[in-house]
Amino acid sequence: MTGVYLNLILCSLSALALSAGVSFYIREKDSGYIRIYTLVFGIATFLTCLGYSIMGFTAELKYAFIPRLIGLFGLDSFLLLELAFLMTELKKKQGKQAVLLAFFGLYIFLDMLIFGKRNTLHYVRYDFHTSYENVGGGPFFFHYAYMILICITLTIHGVQWFRSKKIKRDKQFVLEIFVVNFTLLFAAFPDMARASFAVKYPTFSYCTALSLVYFSFYLAVKRHILFMPTVKNVSQEIFNSVDVPVLIFDMEGKLNLYNPCAGLKIHIDETKPQNLRSLFTLTDVETLRLLTKLKGGWSGEILSKIKATGTECSISTATKFDTAGDPFCIICTVLPVCRNSQES
């Protein structure tokens, strides 16, 4: 039953990798090409783990090569995508990128034809688990020649990537990804050496190693993008430091959030629930009409007074909508009214 449990683990890893990649792509819209690579790395990990896990569940040995082909494509593609990511980071000339990627892309195509054939490996059915035995020969050496070539290429570009970084956090980010990628190389040793565990479960080691590489990359990128100058990263600082009162209300006019400037200039009492009516000199009818207009998507300015100070002000309002098109909050900025401009 060990094989069943290991295959279920691989299925879980494939689902986690795909969901992590899709989630990152949807949420981190300001991360540029990193979000694309995080997604495609997740898809490659998904194909690798899912393909080899289905192979393990396949009882008919004559069909076992089909899911193995999916896993092989995912593994080969992951390494090629890593090379593309490194060259993008290094801003290599497009001509050099095209030559290298075309060469290894062609190699992957040939690897699928040669090493992915049905009779390349000897498939064996153990208790509830299908495995394979390497029979050696040309296809075996052709595949591992690809692995060696691309690992050397990745190492050279990885060193260049590390040396190109000047900031400490960037160097740490590169080093973390660089080191964890060697787990793939170590994970391939049992398969090449035909250790006793790897005879029955040769794919589990490098599938889990590939998953470790991907999730390590995912976590490293999540930490790294915290320091990218994006709207998401600087919005909190802007909200806290801007010298303009900013108030956020729910759709019923209740105050949910405000910046420090608003607390000082509008004299907001934190001990009591606040709303539009309690902060400004708006009548119940005016408040109801304003909320009705805002729920319909209206944005604009209204004139009022701050109730605590009696200061005349202009309230600029804007309604924020969710992905379903429903309003969920009202953003207000409060500015003093210049009497000269008001009289003119």
Protein backbone atom coordinates (compact mmCIF):
# COMPACT_ATOMS: atom_id res chain seq x y z
CA MET A 1 0.00 0.00 0.00
CA THR A 2 3.02 2.32 0.25
CA GLY A 3 2.81 3.07 -3.45
CA VAL A 4 -0.83 4.15 -3.12
CA TYR A 5 -0.01 6.58 -0.34
CA LEU A 6 2.95 8.01 -2.25
CA ASN A 7 0.83 8.49 -5.37
CA LEU A 8 -1.85 10.24 -3.32
CA ILE A 9 0.85 12.56 -1.95
CA LEU A 10 1.92 13.37 -5.51
CA CYS A 11 -1.71 14.09 -6.46
CA SER A 12 -1.98 16.49 -3.52
CA LEU A 13 1.27 18.22 -4.46
CA SER A 14 0.08 18.67 -8.04
CA ALA A 15 -3.18 20.27 -6.88
CA LEU A 16 -1.36 22.56 -4.43
CA ALA A 17 1.14 23.66 -7.08
CA LEU A 18 -1.56 24.51 -9.60
CA SER A 19 -3.74 26.36 -7.09
CA ALA A 20 -0.73 28.30 -5.77
CA GLY A 21 0.28 29.37 -9.28
CA VAL A 22 -3.23 30.43 -10.29
CA SER A 23 -3.80 32.24 -6.98
CA PHE A 24 -0.52 34.16 -7.29
CA TYR A 25 -1.31 35.13 -10.89
CA ILE A 26 -4.74 36.46 -9.92
CA ARG A 27 -3.71 38.27 -6.74
CA GLU A 28 -0.31 39.75 -7.61
CA LYS A 29 -1.24 41.79 -10.66
CA ASP A 30 1.53 44.33 -10.07
CA SER A 31 4.40 41.80 -10.02
CA GLY A 32 5.04 41.90 -13.79
CA TYR A 33 6.54 38.87 -15.50
CA ILE A 34 7.14 37.16 -12.13
CA ARG A 35 3.43 36.34 -11.88
CA ILE A 36 3.56 34.67 -15.31
CA TYR A 37 6.56 32.53 -14.40
CA THR A 38 5.03 31.60 -11.04
CA LEU A 39 1.95 30.38 -12.89
CA VAL A 40 3.77 28.37 -15.58
CA PHE A 41 6.15 26.86 -12.99
CA GLY A 42 3.07 25.75 -11.08
CA ILE A 43 1.55 24.22 -14.23
CA ALA A 44 4.80 22.34 -14.99
CA THR A 45 4.92 21.01 -11.40
CA PHE A 46 1.26 20.03 -11.69
CA LEU A 47 1.88 18.07 -14.90
CA THR A 48 4.94 16.32 -13.47
CA CYS A 49 3.38 15.17 -10.21
CA LEU A 50 -0.01 14.35 -11.71
CA GLY A 51 1.46 12.44 -14.66
CA TYR A 52 3.69 10.21 -12.55
CA SER A 53 1.00 9.66 -9.91
CA ILE A 54 -1.47 8.50 -12.59
CA MET A 55 1.24 6.24 -13.96
CA GLY A 56 1.54 4.71 -10.49
CA PHE A 57 -2.21 4.02 -10.41
CA THR A 58 -2.34 2.55 -13.94
CA ALA A 59 -2.89 -1.19 -13.70
CA GLU A 60 -2.64 -1.84 -17.45
CA LEU A 61 1.09 -1.72 -18.10
CA LYS A 62 0.69 -1.12 -21.83
CA TYR A 63 -0.92 2.26 -21.08
CA ALA A 64 1.50 3.35 -18.34
CA PHE A 65 3.74 5.20 -20.81
CA ILE A 66 0.97 7.78 -21.53
CA PRO A 67 0.78 9.44 -18.07
CA ARG A 68 4.56 9.02 -17.78
CA LEU A 69 4.89 11.08 -20.96
CA ILE A 70 2.89 13.86 -19.29
CA GLY A 71 5.16 13.76 -16.25
CA LEU A 72 8.28 13.75 -18.41
CA PHE A 73 7.04 16.77 -20.37
CA GLY A 74 6.33 18.65 -17.12
CA LEU A 75 9.80 17.91 -15.73
CA ASP A 76 11.64 18.86 -18.93
CA SER A 77 9.53 22.00 -19.32
CA PHE A 78 10.17 23.13 -15.75
CA LEU A 79 13.93 23.22 -16.36
CA LEU A 80 13.46 25.04 -19.65
CA LEU A 81 11.21 27.61 -17.96
CA GLU A 82 13.85 28.16 -15.30
CA LEU A 83 16.35 28.98 -18.03
CA ALA A 84 13.87 31.40 -19.62
CA PHE A 85 13.30 33.05 -16.23
CA LEU A 86 17.04 33.48 -15.63
CA MET A 87 17.61 35.04 -19.04
CA THR A 88 14.68 37.39 -18.46
CA GLU A 89 16.17 38.43 -15.11
CA LEU A 90 19.58 38.93 -16.71
CA LYS A 91 18.02 40.88 -19.61
CA LYS A 92 19.88 38.80 -22.16
CA LYS A 93 19.69 39.79 -25.79
CA GLN A 94 16.67 38.35 -27.54
CA GLY A 95 18.86 36.64 -30.12
CA LYS A 96 20.77 34.68 -27.48
CA GLN A 97 17.54 33.84 -25.67
CA ALA A 98 15.95 32.57 -28.87
CA VAL A 99 18.94 30.36 -29.76
CA LEU A 100 19.24 28.75 -26.31
CA LEU A 101 15.50 28.25 -25.82
CA ALA A 102 15.09 26.88 -29.36
CA PHE A 103 17.96 24.43 -28.80
CA PHE A 104 16.62 23.08 -25.53
CA GLY A 105 13.05 23.20 -26.81
CA LEU A 106 14.07 20.98 -29.72
CA TYR A 107 15.92 18.72 -27.30
CA ILE A 108 12.74 18.35 -25.22
CA PHE A 109 10.78 17.44 -28.35
CA LEU A 110 13.33 14.77 -29.26
CA ASP A 111 13.45 13.58 -25.64
CA MET A 112 9.70 13.04 -25.73
CA LEU A 113 10.05 11.02 -28.94
CA ILE A 114 13.09 8.98 -27.87
CA PHE A 115 12.93 8.63 -24.07
CA GLY A 116 9.13 8.85 -23.94
CA LYS A 117 8.48 5.83 -26.19
CA ARG A 118 6.52 2.86 -24.82
CA ASN A 119 9.38 0.36 -24.96
CA THR A 120 12.07 2.68 -23.58
CA LEU A 121 11.43 1.51 -20.01
CA HIS A 122 10.40 -1.81 -18.51
CA TYR A 123 7.13 -1.27 -16.60
CA VAL A 124 6.47 -3.41 -13.53
CA ARG A 125 3.32 -3.82 -11.45
CA TYR A 126 3.86 -4.15 -7.71
CA ASP A 127 1.09 -4.27 -5.09
CA PHE A 128 -1.31 -1.49 -6.12
CA HIS A 129 1.49 0.44 -7.80
CA THR A 130 3.03 0.63 -11.27
CA SER A 131 6.70 1.45 -11.56
CA TYR A 132 9.43 1.12 -14.15
CA GLU A 133 13.00 -0.05 -14.45
CA ASN A 134 15.60 1.74 -16.51
CA VAL A 135 17.00 -0.60 -19.13
CA GLY A 136 19.85 1.73 -20.07
CA GLY A 137 20.88 2.24 -23.66
CA GLY A 138 20.74 5.27 -25.95
CA PRO A 139 17.37 6.75 -24.86
CA PHE A 140 18.43 6.70 -21.19
CA PHE A 141 21.72 8.49 -21.90
CA PHE A 142 20.01 10.91 -24.29
CA HIS A 143 17.62 12.00 -21.51
CA TYR A 144 20.30 12.43 -18.88
CA ALA A 145 22.49 14.28 -21.36
CA TYR A 146 19.67 16.84 -21.52
CA MET A 147 19.53 17.00 -17.74
CA ILE A 148 23.29 17.52 -17.47
CA LEU A 149 23.43 20.11 -20.25
CA ILE A 150 20.60 22.24 -18.91
CA CYS A 151 21.87 21.97 -15.32
CA ILE A 152 25.26 23.28 -16.43
CA THR A 153 23.58 26.09 -18.37
CA LEU A 154 21.35 26.94 -15.40
CA THR A 155 24.35 26.98 -13.07
CA ILE A 156 26.28 29.38 -15.30
CA HIS A 157 23.31 31.73 -15.63
CA GLY A 158 22.54 31.36 -11.92
CA VAL A 159 26.03 32.55 -10.97
CA GLN A 160 25.69 35.49 -13.36
CA TRP A 161 22.30 36.30 -11.84
CA PHE A 162 23.76 36.29 -8.32
CA ARG A 163 26.70 38.49 -9.32
CA SER A 164 24.38 40.97 -11.06
CA LYS A 165 22.54 41.76 -7.82
CA LYS A 166 23.87 44.57 -5.64
CA ILE A 167 21.26 44.77 -2.87
CA LYS A 168 21.55 42.29 0.00
CA ARG A 169 17.92 41.17 -0.09
CA ASP A 170 18.18 40.53 -3.85
CA LYS A 171 21.30 38.41 -3.34
CA GLN A 172 19.53 36.46 -0.60
CA PHE A 173 16.56 35.88 -2.90
CA VAL A 174 18.82 34.58 -5.70
CA LEU A 175 20.89 32.41 -3.36
CA GLU A 176 17.80 30.79 -1.86
CA ILE A 177 16.45 29.82 -5.28
CA PHE A 178 19.91 28.79 -6.53
CA VAL A 179 20.59 26.42 -3.62
CA VAL A 180 17.19 24.77 -3.54
CA ASN A 181 17.43 23.89 -7.23
CA PHE A 182 20.25 21.47 -6.45
CA THR A 183 17.71 19.25 -4.71
CA LEU A 184 16.59 18.17 -8.19
CA LEU A 185 20.11 16.97 -8.95
CA PHE A 186 20.39 15.06 -5.68
CA ALA A 187 16.92 13.58 -6.16
CA ALA A 188 17.98 12.08 -9.50
CA PHE A 189 20.84 10.07 -7.93
CA PRO A 190 18.68 7.21 -6.57
CA ASP A 191 17.08 6.75 -9.99
CA MET A 192 20.48 6.61 -11.68
CA ALA A 193 22.00 4.38 -9.02
CA ARG A 194 18.93 2.11 -8.86
CA ALA A 195 18.71 2.04 -5.08
CA SER A 196 16.26 -0.41 -3.56
CA PHE A 197 13.66 2.24 -2.70
CA ALA A 198 13.95 3.83 -6.12
CA VAL A 199 13.35 0.53 -7.92
CA LYS A 200 9.74 0.56 -6.74
CA TYR A 201 9.25 4.31 -6.49
CA PRO A 202 11.74 6.00 -8.85
CA THR A 203 9.53 9.00 -9.59
CA PHE A 204 8.61 9.96 -6.04
CA SER A 205 11.99 11.44 -5.14
CA TYR A 206 12.30 13.87 -8.02
CA CYS A 207 8.59 14.74 -8.03
CA THR A 208 8.79 15.78 -4.38
CA ALA A 209 12.10 17.54 -5.09
CA LEU A 210 10.50 19.47 -7.96
CA SER A 211 7.62 20.42 -5.68
CA LEU A 212 10.09 21.60 -3.05
CA VAL A 213 11.83 23.74 -5.68
CA TYR A 214 8.54 25.26 -6.80
CA PHE A 215 7.14 26.00 -3.35
CA SER A 216 10.50 27.42 -2.24
CA PHE A 217 10.43 29.68 -5.31
CA TYR A 218 6.83 30.64 -4.53
CA LEU A 219 7.62 31.60 -0.92
CA ALA A 220 10.82 33.42 -1.90
CA VAL A 221 8.94 35.44 -4.52
CA LYS A 222 6.15 36.27 -2.05
CA ARG A 223 8.74 37.70 0.35
CA HIS A 224 10.67 39.43 -2.42
CA ILE A 225 7.73 41.31 -3.95
CA LEU A 226 7.00 42.94 -0.59
CA PHE A 227 9.81 45.34 -1.45
CA MET A 228 8.77 46.04 -5.02
CA PRO A 229 7.50 49.63 -5.55
CA THR A 230 3.92 48.67 -6.36
CA VAL A 231 0.64 50.36 -5.44
CA LYS A 232 -0.18 47.45 -3.16
CA ASN A 233 3.07 47.80 -1.20
CA VAL A 234 3.05 51.60 -0.79
CA SER A 235 -0.68 52.19 -0.37
CA GLN A 236 -0.55 51.65 3.41
CA GLU A 237 2.23 54.19 3.80
CA ILE A 238 0.42 56.70 1.61
CA PHE A 239 -2.81 56.19 3.57
CA ASN A 240 -1.05 56.80 6.89
CA SER A 241 1.18 59.68 5.86
CA VAL A 242 -0.93 61.79 3.46
CA ASP A 243 -1.93 65.16 4.96
CA VAL A 244 -5.55 64.87 3.83
CA PRO A 245 -8.36 63.29 5.87
CA VAL A 246 -9.41 59.97 4.28
CA LEU A 247 -12.51 58.19 5.57
CA ILE A 248 -13.89 54.83 4.51
CA PHE A 249 -17.56 54.06 5.20
CA ASP A 250 -19.66 50.97 4.57
CA MET A 251 -22.71 51.26 2.32
CA GLU A 252 -24.87 52.21 5.31
CA GLY A 253 -22.69 55.22 6.09
CA LYS A 254 -20.94 53.72 9.14
CA LEU A 255 -17.28 54.63 9.55
CA ASN A 256 -14.98 51.61 9.16
CA LEU A 257 -11.53 53.09 8.65
CA TYR A 258 -9.76 56.43 8.67
CA ASN A 259 -6.20 57.72 8.46
CA PRO A 260 -4.35 59.58 11.27
CA CYS A 261 -4.91 62.94 9.59
CA ALA A 262 -8.68 62.40 9.66
CA GLY A 263 -8.56 61.56 13.35
CA LEU A 264 -6.81 64.85 14.11
CA LYS A 265 -8.64 67.27 11.81
CA ILE A 266 -12.16 65.87 12.19
CA HIS A 267 -11.76 65.08 15.92
CA ILE A 268 -13.08 61.54 15.65
CA ASP A 269 -14.09 60.03 18.99
CA GLU A 270 -12.81 56.46 18.95
CA THR A 271 -14.93 55.45 21.93
CA LYS A 272 -18.21 55.82 20.02
CA PRO A 273 -19.48 54.39 16.70
CA GLN A 274 -19.25 57.06 14.00
CA ASN A 275 -21.11 57.64 10.73
CA LEU A 276 -21.66 60.33 8.13
CA ARG A 277 -24.40 61.93 10.19
CA SER A 278 -22.30 62.16 13.36
CA LEU A 279 -19.19 63.58 11.67
CA PHE A 280 -20.74 66.15 9.33
CA THR A 281 -23.70 68.53 9.46
CA LEU A 282 -25.85 66.43 7.17
CA THR A 283 -29.54 65.98 7.82
CA ASP A 284 -31.12 62.55 7.80
CA VAL A 285 -32.70 63.26 4.41
CA GLU A 286 -29.41 64.51 2.92
CA THR A 287 -27.57 61.45 4.26
CA LEU A 288 -30.18 59.07 2.84
CA ARG A 289 -30.11 60.76 -0.59
CA LEU A 290 -26.31 60.72 -0.64
CA LEU A 291 -26.12 57.02 0.25
CA THR A 292 -28.72 56.17 -2.40
CA LYS A 293 -26.71 58.00 -5.07
CA LEU A 294 -23.45 56.36 -3.93
CA LYS A 295 -24.98 52.87 -4.08
CA GLY A 296 -25.80 53.61 -7.69
CA GLY A 297 -22.16 54.41 -8.45
CA TRP A 298 -22.28 58.21 -8.22
CA SER A 299 -19.02 59.99 -7.39
CA GLY A 300 -18.53 63.71 -6.81
CA GLU A 301 -18.28 66.43 -4.19
CA ILE A 302 -20.67 67.77 -1.61
CA LEU A 303 -20.33 70.79 0.68
CA SER A 304 -20.83 70.42 4.41
CA LYS A 305 -19.30 71.28 7.79
CA ILE A 306 -17.25 69.21 10.20
CA LYS A 307 -19.56 68.83 13.18
CA ALA A 308 -16.83 68.88 15.83
CA THR A 309 -15.16 72.09 14.63
CA GLY A 310 -17.76 73.83 12.46
CA THR A 311 -15.20 74.11 9.64
CA GLU A 312 -16.64 74.28 6.14
CA CYS A 313 -15.40 71.47 3.95
CA SER A 314 -15.72 69.74 0.62
CA ILE A 315 -16.29 65.97 0.77
CA SER A 316 -15.14 64.07 -2.33
CA THR A 317 -16.79 60.66 -2.54
CA ALA A 318 -16.17 57.53 -4.59
CA THR A 319 -17.79 54.10 -4.39
CA LYS A 320 -15.70 50.91 -4.52
CA PHE A 321 -17.21 47.84 -6.21
CA ASP A 322 -16.36 44.16 -5.79
CA THR A 323 -15.70 41.65 -8.58
CA ALA A 324 -19.43 40.89 -8.84
CA GLY A 325 -20.22 44.57 -9.45
CA ASP A 326 -21.76 45.21 -6.03
CA PRO A 327 -20.74 48.28 -3.98
CA PHE A 328 -19.00 47.47 -0.70
CA CYS A 329 -17.47 50.73 0.60
CA ILE A 330 -17.40 54.51 0.20
CA ILE A 331 -14.08 56.37 0.11
CA CYS A 332 -14.20 60.02 1.17
CA THR A 333 -11.54 62.70 1.22
CA VAL A 334 -12.19 65.91 3.12
CA LEU A 335 -10.71 69.26 2.05
CA PRO A 336 -11.25 72.73 3.55
CA VAL A 337 -13.30 75.19 1.49
CA CYS A 338 -11.47 78.33 0.36
CA ARG A 339 -13.82 81.27 0.91
CA ASN A 340 -12.41 83.28 -2.00
CA SER A 341 -13.12 80.51 -4.47
CA GLN A 342 -16.51 79.88 -2.87
CA GLU A 343 -17.57 83.53 -3.21
CA SER A 344 -16.37 83.78 -6.80
